[in-house]
């Protein structure tokens, strides 16, 4: 929550209080190479947190990323949903909408997994790791801020007015 978050005062205490409701999904500590089932389980766990009235995908993943930075990307409202996944960006500015919908969260995880595991990117990761040895693939990819096309297998999810 300390990562540029708009969380209300006392948010950390609320997370501790509500943490009993979190998903019991076993999250492994490991590299980003995840299966579709693991990404769905992760999206469901983030969705459990977004069911709380004051938590969206951004706050949930900022909190979880601190525990598993090599596995859980920060799904920031503006950077990921507003720019990276927005085909109209940069012509149309990103929105700061709070994302709560599990299908949209899963779609973001799929896009990031696709970019991190693309064969044409394989030769770049060792070079980037030498430049920034303390950063994970997720952190390196998201720092680049480059929007990529959606994976072919990903069906588009129509956003709603609330909880995109």
N, C-alpha and C. Protein backbone atom coordinates (compact mmCIF):
# COMPACT_ATOMS: atom_id res chain seq x y z
N UNK A 1 0.81 -1.18 0.00
CA UNK A 1 0.00 0.00 0.00
C UNK A 1 0.86 1.25 0.00
N UNK A 2 2.13 1.08 0.24
CA UNK A 2 3.01 2.23 0.25
C UNK A 2 3.55 2.56 -1.12
N UNK A 3 3.14 1.82 -2.15
CA UNK A 3 3.61 2.05 -3.51
C UNK A 3 2.63 2.99 -4.21
N UNK A 4 2.78 4.28 -4.00
CA UNK A 4 1.98 5.28 -4.70
C UNK A 4 0.50 4.91 -4.72
N UNK A 5 -0.05 4.62 -3.57
CA UNK A 5 -1.43 4.18 -3.48
C UNK A 5 -2.33 5.30 -2.97
N UNK A 6 -3.59 5.25 -3.40
CA UNK A 6 -4.57 6.21 -2.91
C UNK A 6 -5.41 5.59 -1.81
N UNK A 7 -4.82 4.70 -1.05
CA UNK A 7 -5.54 4.01 0.02
C UNK A 7 -5.85 5.00 1.13
N UNK A 8 -7.03 4.88 1.68
CA UNK A 8 -7.42 5.75 2.79
C UNK A 8 -6.57 5.45 4.02
N UNK A 9 -6.52 6.42 4.92
CA UNK A 9 -5.80 6.25 6.19
C UNK A 9 -6.35 5.03 6.90
N UNK A 10 -5.44 4.22 7.44
CA UNK A 10 -5.85 3.02 8.15
C UNK A 10 -6.08 1.82 7.25
N UNK A 11 -5.78 1.95 5.98
CA UNK A 11 -5.99 0.85 5.04
C UNK A 11 -5.23 -0.40 5.41
N UNK A 12 -4.00 -0.22 5.93
CA UNK A 12 -3.21 -1.39 6.30
C UNK A 12 -3.87 -2.16 7.44
N UNK A 13 -4.49 -1.46 8.38
CA UNK A 13 -5.20 -2.13 9.47
C UNK A 13 -6.43 -2.85 8.94
N UNK A 14 -7.11 -2.27 7.99
CA UNK A 14 -8.28 -2.91 7.40
C UNK A 14 -7.89 -4.19 6.66
N UNK A 15 -6.74 -4.16 5.97
CA UNK A 15 -6.29 -5.36 5.28
C UNK A 15 -6.03 -6.47 6.28
N UNK A 16 -5.37 -6.15 7.38
CA UNK A 16 -5.12 -7.17 8.41
C UNK A 16 -6.43 -7.70 8.97
N UNK A 17 -7.39 -6.81 9.24
CA UNK A 17 -8.68 -7.21 9.80
C UNK A 17 -9.44 -8.13 8.85
N UNK A 18 -9.42 -7.81 7.56
CA UNK A 18 -10.18 -8.56 6.56
C UNK A 18 -9.40 -9.74 5.99
N UNK A 19 -8.14 -9.90 6.37
CA UNK A 19 -7.31 -10.93 5.73
C UNK A 19 -7.82 -12.34 5.96
N UNK A 20 -8.64 -12.54 6.97
CA UNK A 20 -9.19 -13.88 7.18
C UNK A 20 -10.06 -14.32 6.01
N UNK A 21 -10.56 -13.36 5.23
CA UNK A 21 -11.43 -13.68 4.09
C UNK A 21 -10.66 -13.95 2.81
N UNK A 22 -9.35 -13.88 2.86
CA UNK A 22 -8.56 -14.06 1.65
C UNK A 22 -8.64 -15.49 1.16
N UNK A 23 -8.39 -15.66 -0.10
CA UNK A 23 -8.40 -16.98 -0.71
C UNK A 23 -7.29 -17.83 -0.13
N UNK A 24 -7.50 -19.10 -0.03
CA UNK A 24 -6.49 -20.00 0.49
C UNK A 24 -5.64 -20.62 -0.62
N UNK A 25 -5.58 -19.95 -1.77
CA UNK A 25 -4.80 -20.43 -2.90
C UNK A 25 -3.33 -20.48 -2.50
N UNK A 26 -2.70 -21.59 -2.79
CA UNK A 26 -1.26 -21.70 -2.52
C UNK A 26 -0.52 -20.94 -3.60
N UNK A 27 0.21 -19.92 -3.17
CA UNK A 27 0.98 -19.12 -4.12
C UNK A 27 2.44 -19.48 -3.93
N UNK A 28 3.01 -20.00 -4.98
CA UNK A 28 4.41 -20.39 -4.91
C UNK A 28 5.31 -19.19 -5.09
N UNK A 29 6.49 -19.29 -4.54
CA UNK A 29 7.50 -18.25 -4.75
C UNK A 29 8.32 -18.73 -5.95
N UNK A 30 8.18 -18.05 -7.05
CA UNK A 30 8.92 -18.52 -8.21
C UNK A 30 8.81 -17.56 -9.36
N UNK A 31 9.36 -17.93 -10.49
CA UNK A 31 9.34 -17.04 -11.64
C UNK A 31 7.95 -16.94 -12.24
N UNK A 32 7.80 -16.02 -13.17
CA UNK A 32 6.51 -15.70 -13.73
C UNK A 32 5.93 -16.78 -14.61
N UNK A 33 6.67 -17.75 -15.05
CA UNK A 33 6.14 -18.75 -15.97
C UNK A 33 5.01 -19.52 -15.28
N UNK A 34 3.80 -19.04 -15.46
CA UNK A 34 2.63 -19.61 -14.80
C UNK A 34 1.72 -20.28 -15.82
N UNK A 35 0.91 -21.18 -15.32
CA UNK A 35 -0.09 -21.82 -16.17
C UNK A 35 -1.36 -20.97 -16.17
N UNK A 36 -2.25 -21.26 -17.10
CA UNK A 36 -3.52 -20.57 -17.15
C UNK A 36 -4.29 -20.78 -15.85
N UNK A 37 -4.24 -21.99 -15.31
CA UNK A 37 -4.94 -22.30 -14.06
C UNK A 37 -4.37 -21.50 -12.90
N UNK A 38 -3.04 -21.35 -12.85
CA UNK A 38 -2.42 -20.56 -11.78
C UNK A 38 -2.81 -19.08 -11.90
N UNK A 39 -2.84 -18.57 -13.12
CA UNK A 39 -3.25 -17.18 -13.31
C UNK A 39 -4.72 -16.99 -12.94
N UNK A 40 -5.57 -17.98 -13.23
CA UNK A 40 -6.97 -17.88 -12.83
C UNK A 40 -7.10 -17.90 -11.31
N UNK A 41 -6.34 -18.78 -10.65
CA UNK A 41 -6.36 -18.82 -9.18
C UNK A 41 -5.87 -17.50 -8.59
N UNK A 42 -4.85 -16.92 -9.19
CA UNK A 42 -4.33 -15.64 -8.74
C UNK A 42 -5.38 -14.54 -8.96
N UNK A 43 -6.03 -14.53 -10.12
CA UNK A 43 -7.08 -13.54 -10.40
C UNK A 43 -8.23 -13.69 -9.39
N UNK A 44 -8.58 -14.94 -9.06
CA UNK A 44 -9.64 -15.18 -8.08
C UNK A 44 -9.24 -14.65 -6.70
N UNK A 45 -7.97 -14.85 -6.33
CA UNK A 45 -7.51 -14.36 -5.03
C UNK A 45 -7.53 -12.83 -5.00
N UNK A 46 -7.07 -12.21 -6.07
CA UNK A 46 -7.12 -10.74 -6.15
C UNK A 46 -8.58 -10.30 -6.13
N UNK A 47 -9.44 -11.05 -6.81
CA UNK A 47 -10.88 -10.75 -6.81
C UNK A 47 -11.49 -10.84 -5.42
N UNK A 48 -11.01 -11.75 -4.59
CA UNK A 48 -11.48 -11.81 -3.20
C UNK A 48 -11.19 -10.50 -2.50
N UNK A 49 -9.98 -9.99 -2.71
CA UNK A 49 -9.62 -8.72 -2.07
C UNK A 49 -10.42 -7.56 -2.66
N UNK A 50 -10.69 -7.60 -3.97
CA UNK A 50 -11.43 -6.50 -4.58
C UNK A 50 -12.92 -6.52 -4.21
N UNK A 51 -13.37 -7.61 -3.61
CA UNK A 51 -14.76 -7.65 -3.14
C UNK A 51 -14.93 -6.79 -1.89
N UNK A 52 -13.83 -6.41 -1.26
CA UNK A 52 -13.90 -5.50 -0.12
C UNK A 52 -14.19 -4.11 -0.67
N UNK A 53 -15.04 -3.34 -0.02
CA UNK A 53 -15.50 -2.08 -0.60
C UNK A 53 -14.40 -1.04 -0.87
N UNK A 54 -13.31 -1.09 -0.22
CA UNK A 54 -12.27 -0.06 -0.36
C UNK A 54 -11.03 -0.57 -1.06
N UNK A 55 -11.09 -1.73 -1.72
CA UNK A 55 -9.92 -2.31 -2.38
C UNK A 55 -10.23 -2.60 -3.84
N UNK A 56 -9.34 -2.16 -4.72
CA UNK A 56 -9.41 -2.49 -6.14
C UNK A 56 -8.20 -3.32 -6.50
N UNK A 57 -8.07 -3.67 -7.77
CA UNK A 57 -6.94 -4.50 -8.22
C UNK A 57 -5.61 -3.83 -7.94
N UNK A 58 -5.56 -2.53 -8.08
CA UNK A 58 -4.31 -1.80 -7.86
C UNK A 58 -3.82 -1.97 -6.42
N UNK A 59 -4.66 -1.68 -5.45
CA UNK A 59 -4.26 -1.81 -4.05
C UNK A 59 -3.99 -3.27 -3.68
N UNK A 60 -4.83 -4.18 -4.16
CA UNK A 60 -4.64 -5.60 -3.84
C UNK A 60 -3.29 -6.11 -4.35
N UNK A 61 -2.95 -5.78 -5.59
CA UNK A 61 -1.69 -6.29 -6.15
C UNK A 61 -0.49 -5.55 -5.60
N UNK A 62 -0.64 -4.28 -5.22
CA UNK A 62 0.47 -3.58 -4.58
C UNK A 62 0.79 -4.23 -3.24
N UNK A 63 -0.23 -4.69 -2.55
CA UNK A 63 -0.03 -5.37 -1.27
C UNK A 63 0.59 -6.75 -1.49
N UNK A 64 0.03 -7.54 -2.42
CA UNK A 64 0.52 -8.90 -2.66
C UNK A 64 1.90 -8.92 -3.32
N UNK A 65 2.20 -7.93 -4.15
CA UNK A 65 3.49 -7.87 -4.84
C UNK A 65 4.64 -7.78 -3.85
N UNK A 66 4.43 -7.13 -2.72
CA UNK A 66 5.48 -7.01 -1.71
C UNK A 66 5.85 -8.39 -1.16
N UNK A 67 4.92 -9.31 -1.12
CA UNK A 67 5.16 -10.66 -0.61
C UNK A 67 5.75 -11.59 -1.68
N UNK A 68 5.28 -11.48 -2.92
CA UNK A 68 5.71 -12.35 -4.01
C UNK A 68 6.03 -11.51 -5.25
N UNK A 69 7.10 -10.70 -5.23
CA UNK A 69 7.38 -9.80 -6.36
C UNK A 69 7.71 -10.50 -7.66
N UNK A 70 8.20 -11.75 -7.61
CA UNK A 70 8.52 -12.46 -8.84
C UNK A 70 7.29 -13.13 -9.45
N UNK A 71 6.19 -13.14 -8.73
CA UNK A 71 4.99 -13.82 -9.20
C UNK A 71 3.82 -12.87 -9.46
N UNK A 72 3.67 -11.86 -8.62
CA UNK A 72 2.49 -11.01 -8.69
C UNK A 72 2.86 -9.61 -9.19
N UNK A 73 2.38 -9.25 -10.38
CA UNK A 73 2.65 -7.90 -10.88
C UNK A 73 1.73 -6.88 -10.22
N UNK A 74 2.17 -5.64 -10.20
CA UNK A 74 1.31 -4.55 -9.74
C UNK A 74 0.40 -4.17 -10.90
N UNK A 75 -0.89 -4.36 -10.71
CA UNK A 75 -1.87 -4.03 -11.75
C UNK A 75 -2.41 -2.64 -11.47
N UNK A 76 -1.60 -1.66 -11.78
CA UNK A 76 -1.95 -0.27 -11.52
C UNK A 76 -3.07 0.18 -12.46
N UNK A 77 -3.99 0.96 -11.92
CA UNK A 77 -5.15 1.42 -12.71
C UNK A 77 -4.73 2.19 -13.95
N UNK A 78 -3.82 3.12 -13.80
CA UNK A 78 -3.44 3.96 -14.92
C UNK A 78 -2.41 3.29 -15.83
N UNK A 79 -1.36 2.71 -15.24
CA UNK A 79 -0.28 2.14 -16.06
C UNK A 79 -0.70 0.88 -16.80
N UNK A 80 -1.37 -0.04 -16.13
CA UNK A 80 -1.73 -1.32 -16.76
C UNK A 80 -3.07 -1.22 -17.48
N UNK A 81 -4.13 -0.92 -16.74
CA UNK A 81 -5.46 -0.91 -17.34
C UNK A 81 -5.69 0.33 -18.21
N UNK A 82 -5.10 1.46 -17.84
CA UNK A 82 -5.34 2.69 -18.56
C UNK A 82 -4.43 2.92 -19.75
N UNK A 83 -3.22 2.34 -19.75
CA UNK A 83 -2.29 2.56 -20.85
C UNK A 83 -1.89 1.25 -21.53
N UNK A 84 -1.27 0.33 -20.81
CA UNK A 84 -0.77 -0.93 -21.37
C UNK A 84 -1.87 -1.71 -22.11
N UNK A 85 -3.06 -1.77 -21.54
CA UNK A 85 -4.15 -2.54 -22.13
C UNK A 85 -5.15 -1.66 -22.90
N UNK A 86 -4.83 -0.41 -23.09
CA UNK A 86 -5.74 0.52 -23.75
C UNK A 86 -5.28 0.77 -25.18
N UNK A 87 -6.00 0.26 -26.18
CA UNK A 87 -5.57 0.45 -27.56
C UNK A 87 -5.63 1.91 -28.02
N UNK A 88 -6.32 2.76 -27.28
CA UNK A 88 -6.42 4.17 -27.65
C UNK A 88 -5.35 5.04 -27.00
N UNK A 89 -4.54 4.44 -26.13
CA UNK A 89 -3.48 5.20 -25.46
C UNK A 89 -2.30 5.30 -26.40
N UNK A 90 -1.59 6.38 -26.52
CA UNK A 90 -1.62 7.61 -25.73
C UNK A 90 -2.55 8.69 -26.27
N UNK A 91 -3.20 8.45 -27.40
CA UNK A 91 -4.10 9.48 -27.94
C UNK A 91 -5.20 9.83 -26.95
N UNK A 92 -5.75 8.81 -26.30
CA UNK A 92 -6.77 9.03 -25.28
C UNK A 92 -6.12 8.78 -23.93
N UNK A 93 -6.13 9.77 -23.04
CA UNK A 93 -5.48 9.61 -21.73
C UNK A 93 -6.06 8.43 -20.95
N UNK A 94 -5.22 7.86 -20.11
CA UNK A 94 -5.68 6.74 -19.29
C UNK A 94 -6.64 7.24 -18.21
N UNK A 95 -7.53 6.35 -17.83
CA UNK A 95 -8.48 6.66 -16.77
C UNK A 95 -7.95 6.10 -15.46
N UNK A 96 -8.44 6.60 -14.38
CA UNK A 96 -8.01 6.12 -13.06
C UNK A 96 -9.12 5.28 -12.43
N UNK A 97 -9.89 4.58 -13.28
CA UNK A 97 -10.98 3.75 -12.77
C UNK A 97 -10.46 2.65 -11.86
N UNK A 98 -11.23 2.33 -10.83
CA UNK A 98 -10.90 1.22 -9.95
C UNK A 98 -11.38 -0.06 -10.61
N UNK A 99 -10.46 -1.00 -10.76
CA UNK A 99 -10.77 -2.28 -11.41
C UNK A 99 -11.05 -3.32 -10.35
N UNK A 100 -12.20 -3.99 -10.46
CA UNK A 100 -12.58 -5.01 -9.49
C UNK A 100 -13.00 -6.33 -10.15
N UNK A 101 -13.26 -6.34 -11.43
CA UNK A 101 -13.80 -7.51 -12.12
C UNK A 101 -12.72 -8.56 -12.34
N UNK A 102 -12.98 -9.77 -11.87
CA UNK A 102 -12.02 -10.87 -11.99
C UNK A 102 -11.67 -11.17 -13.46
N UNK A 103 -12.63 -11.17 -14.40
CA UNK A 103 -12.24 -11.42 -15.80
C UNK A 103 -11.24 -10.39 -16.33
N UNK A 104 -11.40 -9.14 -15.95
CA UNK A 104 -10.48 -8.10 -16.41
C UNK A 104 -9.10 -8.28 -15.75
N UNK A 105 -9.09 -8.66 -14.49
CA UNK A 105 -7.83 -8.93 -13.78
C UNK A 105 -7.12 -10.11 -14.44
N UNK A 106 -7.86 -11.16 -14.74
CA UNK A 106 -7.28 -12.33 -15.41
C UNK A 106 -6.73 -11.95 -16.77
N UNK A 107 -7.46 -11.12 -17.50
CA UNK A 107 -6.99 -10.67 -18.81
C UNK A 107 -5.65 -9.94 -18.68
N UNK A 108 -5.52 -9.07 -17.67
CA UNK A 108 -4.26 -8.36 -17.46
C UNK A 108 -3.13 -9.33 -17.15
N UNK A 109 -3.40 -10.33 -16.31
CA UNK A 109 -2.37 -11.33 -15.98
C UNK A 109 -1.97 -12.12 -17.23
N UNK A 110 -2.94 -12.43 -18.09
CA UNK A 110 -2.64 -13.15 -19.33
C UNK A 110 -1.78 -12.30 -20.26
N UNK A 111 -2.10 -11.03 -20.41
CA UNK A 111 -1.31 -10.15 -21.28
C UNK A 111 0.13 -10.08 -20.79
N UNK A 112 0.30 -9.90 -19.49
CA UNK A 112 1.66 -9.78 -18.93
C UNK A 112 2.41 -11.09 -19.10
N UNK A 113 1.75 -12.21 -18.82
CA UNK A 113 2.39 -13.52 -18.99
C UNK A 113 2.82 -13.72 -20.44
N UNK A 114 1.96 -13.32 -21.36
CA UNK A 114 2.26 -13.44 -22.78
C UNK A 114 3.53 -12.66 -23.13
N UNK A 115 3.60 -11.42 -22.68
CA UNK A 115 4.77 -10.59 -22.99
C UNK A 115 6.04 -11.11 -22.33
N UNK A 116 5.92 -11.61 -21.11
CA UNK A 116 7.11 -12.09 -20.40
C UNK A 116 7.66 -13.39 -20.96
N UNK A 117 6.84 -14.14 -21.66
CA UNK A 117 7.27 -15.45 -22.16
C UNK A 117 7.34 -15.52 -23.68
N UNK A 118 7.23 -14.40 -24.36
CA UNK A 118 7.32 -14.40 -25.83
C UNK A 118 8.70 -14.88 -26.25
N UNK A 119 8.78 -15.80 -27.20
CA UNK A 119 10.09 -16.33 -27.63
C UNK A 119 11.05 -15.24 -28.11
N UNK A 120 10.52 -14.23 -28.79
CA UNK A 120 11.39 -13.18 -29.31
C UNK A 120 11.99 -12.31 -28.20
N UNK A 121 11.47 -12.40 -26.99
CA UNK A 121 12.02 -11.64 -25.86
C UNK A 121 13.04 -12.44 -25.05
N UNK A 122 13.17 -13.73 -25.32
CA UNK A 122 14.03 -14.60 -24.50
C UNK A 122 15.47 -14.12 -24.42
N UNK A 123 16.02 -13.64 -25.50
CA UNK A 123 17.42 -13.23 -25.49
C UNK A 123 17.65 -11.92 -24.74
N UNK A 124 16.60 -11.15 -24.51
CA UNK A 124 16.73 -9.85 -23.85
C UNK A 124 16.81 -9.98 -22.32
N UNK A 125 16.13 -10.98 -21.76
CA UNK A 125 16.06 -11.08 -20.31
C UNK A 125 17.42 -11.19 -19.64
N UNK A 126 18.36 -12.00 -20.12
CA UNK A 126 19.68 -12.04 -19.47
C UNK A 126 20.40 -10.69 -19.51
N UNK A 127 20.24 -9.97 -20.61
CA UNK A 127 20.87 -8.65 -20.73
C UNK A 127 20.26 -7.66 -19.73
N UNK A 128 18.93 -7.66 -19.63
CA UNK A 128 18.27 -6.77 -18.68
C UNK A 128 18.62 -7.14 -17.24
N UNK A 129 18.74 -8.44 -16.99
CA UNK A 129 19.10 -8.89 -15.64
C UNK A 129 20.52 -8.42 -15.27
N UNK A 130 21.42 -8.39 -16.22
CA UNK A 130 22.77 -7.90 -15.93
C UNK A 130 22.76 -6.40 -15.61
N UNK A 131 21.89 -5.65 -16.27
CA UNK A 131 21.79 -4.22 -16.03
C UNK A 131 21.09 -3.93 -14.69
N UNK A 132 20.04 -4.67 -14.41
CA UNK A 132 19.23 -4.49 -13.20
C UNK A 132 19.08 -5.83 -12.47
N UNK A 133 20.13 -6.32 -11.81
CA UNK A 133 20.08 -7.66 -11.21
C UNK A 133 19.07 -7.84 -10.08
N UNK A 134 18.63 -6.76 -9.45
CA UNK A 134 17.69 -6.90 -8.34
C UNK A 134 16.23 -6.88 -8.79
N UNK A 135 15.99 -6.61 -10.05
CA UNK A 135 14.60 -6.53 -10.53
C UNK A 135 14.14 -7.85 -11.13
N UNK A 136 12.86 -8.15 -10.90
CA UNK A 136 12.25 -9.36 -11.47
C UNK A 136 11.83 -9.07 -12.91
N UNK A 137 11.46 -10.12 -13.63
CA UNK A 137 10.96 -9.93 -15.00
C UNK A 137 9.72 -9.06 -15.01
N UNK A 138 8.87 -9.26 -14.04
CA UNK A 138 7.65 -8.45 -13.96
C UNK A 138 8.01 -6.98 -13.83
N UNK A 139 8.94 -6.67 -12.93
CA UNK A 139 9.33 -5.27 -12.72
C UNK A 139 10.00 -4.70 -13.96
N UNK A 140 10.84 -5.47 -14.61
CA UNK A 140 11.52 -5.00 -15.83
C UNK A 140 10.52 -4.75 -16.95
N UNK A 141 9.59 -5.68 -17.15
CA UNK A 141 8.60 -5.54 -18.22
C UNK A 141 7.71 -4.33 -17.99
N UNK A 142 7.21 -4.18 -16.78
CA UNK A 142 6.27 -3.10 -16.52
C UNK A 142 6.96 -1.75 -16.50
N UNK A 143 8.24 -1.74 -16.19
CA UNK A 143 9.00 -0.48 -16.20
C UNK A 143 9.16 0.05 -17.62
N UNK A 144 9.18 -0.84 -18.60
CA UNK A 144 9.36 -0.43 -19.98
C UNK A 144 8.18 0.39 -20.48
N UNK A 145 6.97 0.09 -19.98
CA UNK A 145 5.78 0.86 -20.34
C UNK A 145 5.38 0.73 -21.79
N UNK A 146 5.78 -0.34 -22.46
CA UNK A 146 5.46 -0.53 -23.86
C UNK A 146 4.19 -1.36 -23.96
N UNK A 147 3.20 -0.87 -24.71
CA UNK A 147 1.95 -1.60 -24.90
C UNK A 147 2.15 -2.64 -25.99
N UNK A 148 1.73 -3.84 -25.73
CA UNK A 148 1.86 -4.94 -26.67
C UNK A 148 0.47 -5.41 -27.08
N UNK A 149 0.37 -6.08 -28.22
CA UNK A 149 -0.94 -6.63 -28.60
C UNK A 149 -1.34 -7.75 -27.66
N UNK A 150 -2.62 -7.92 -27.51
CA UNK A 150 -3.14 -8.97 -26.64
C UNK A 150 -2.78 -10.34 -27.20
N UNK A 151 -2.61 -11.35 -26.32
CA UNK A 151 -2.38 -12.70 -26.81
C UNK A 151 -3.57 -13.16 -27.64
N UNK A 152 -3.31 -13.94 -28.67
CA UNK A 152 -4.36 -14.38 -29.59
C UNK A 152 -5.46 -15.17 -28.89
N UNK A 153 -5.12 -15.95 -27.87
CA UNK A 153 -6.10 -16.80 -27.21
C UNK A 153 -6.99 -16.02 -26.25
N UNK A 154 -6.65 -14.79 -25.96
CA UNK A 154 -7.41 -14.01 -24.99
C UNK A 154 -8.66 -13.43 -25.64
N UNK A 155 -9.81 -13.78 -25.09
CA UNK A 155 -11.06 -13.22 -25.58
C UNK A 155 -11.24 -11.85 -24.97
N UNK A 156 -11.65 -10.86 -25.74
CA UNK A 156 -11.82 -9.52 -25.17
C UNK A 156 -12.89 -9.51 -24.09
N UNK A 157 -12.63 -8.75 -23.06
CA UNK A 157 -13.58 -8.59 -21.97
C UNK A 157 -14.11 -7.18 -22.06
N UNK A 158 -15.42 -7.06 -22.19
CA UNK A 158 -16.02 -5.74 -22.29
C UNK A 158 -16.08 -5.13 -20.91
N UNK A 159 -15.45 -3.96 -20.72
CA UNK A 159 -15.52 -3.32 -19.40
C UNK A 159 -16.90 -2.76 -19.14
N UNK A 160 -17.24 -2.71 -17.88
CA UNK A 160 -18.50 -2.10 -17.47
C UNK A 160 -18.19 -0.74 -16.90
N UNK A 161 -19.20 0.03 -16.65
CA UNK A 161 -18.98 1.38 -16.11
C UNK A 161 -18.30 1.32 -14.74
N UNK A 162 -18.67 0.36 -13.93
CA UNK A 162 -18.03 0.19 -12.62
C UNK A 162 -17.34 -1.16 -12.59
N UNK A 163 -16.19 -1.22 -11.97
CA UNK A 163 -15.49 -2.48 -11.76
C UNK A 163 -14.92 -3.07 -13.02
N UNK A 164 -14.40 -2.24 -13.91
CA UNK A 164 -13.81 -2.73 -15.16
C UNK A 164 -12.86 -3.85 -14.92
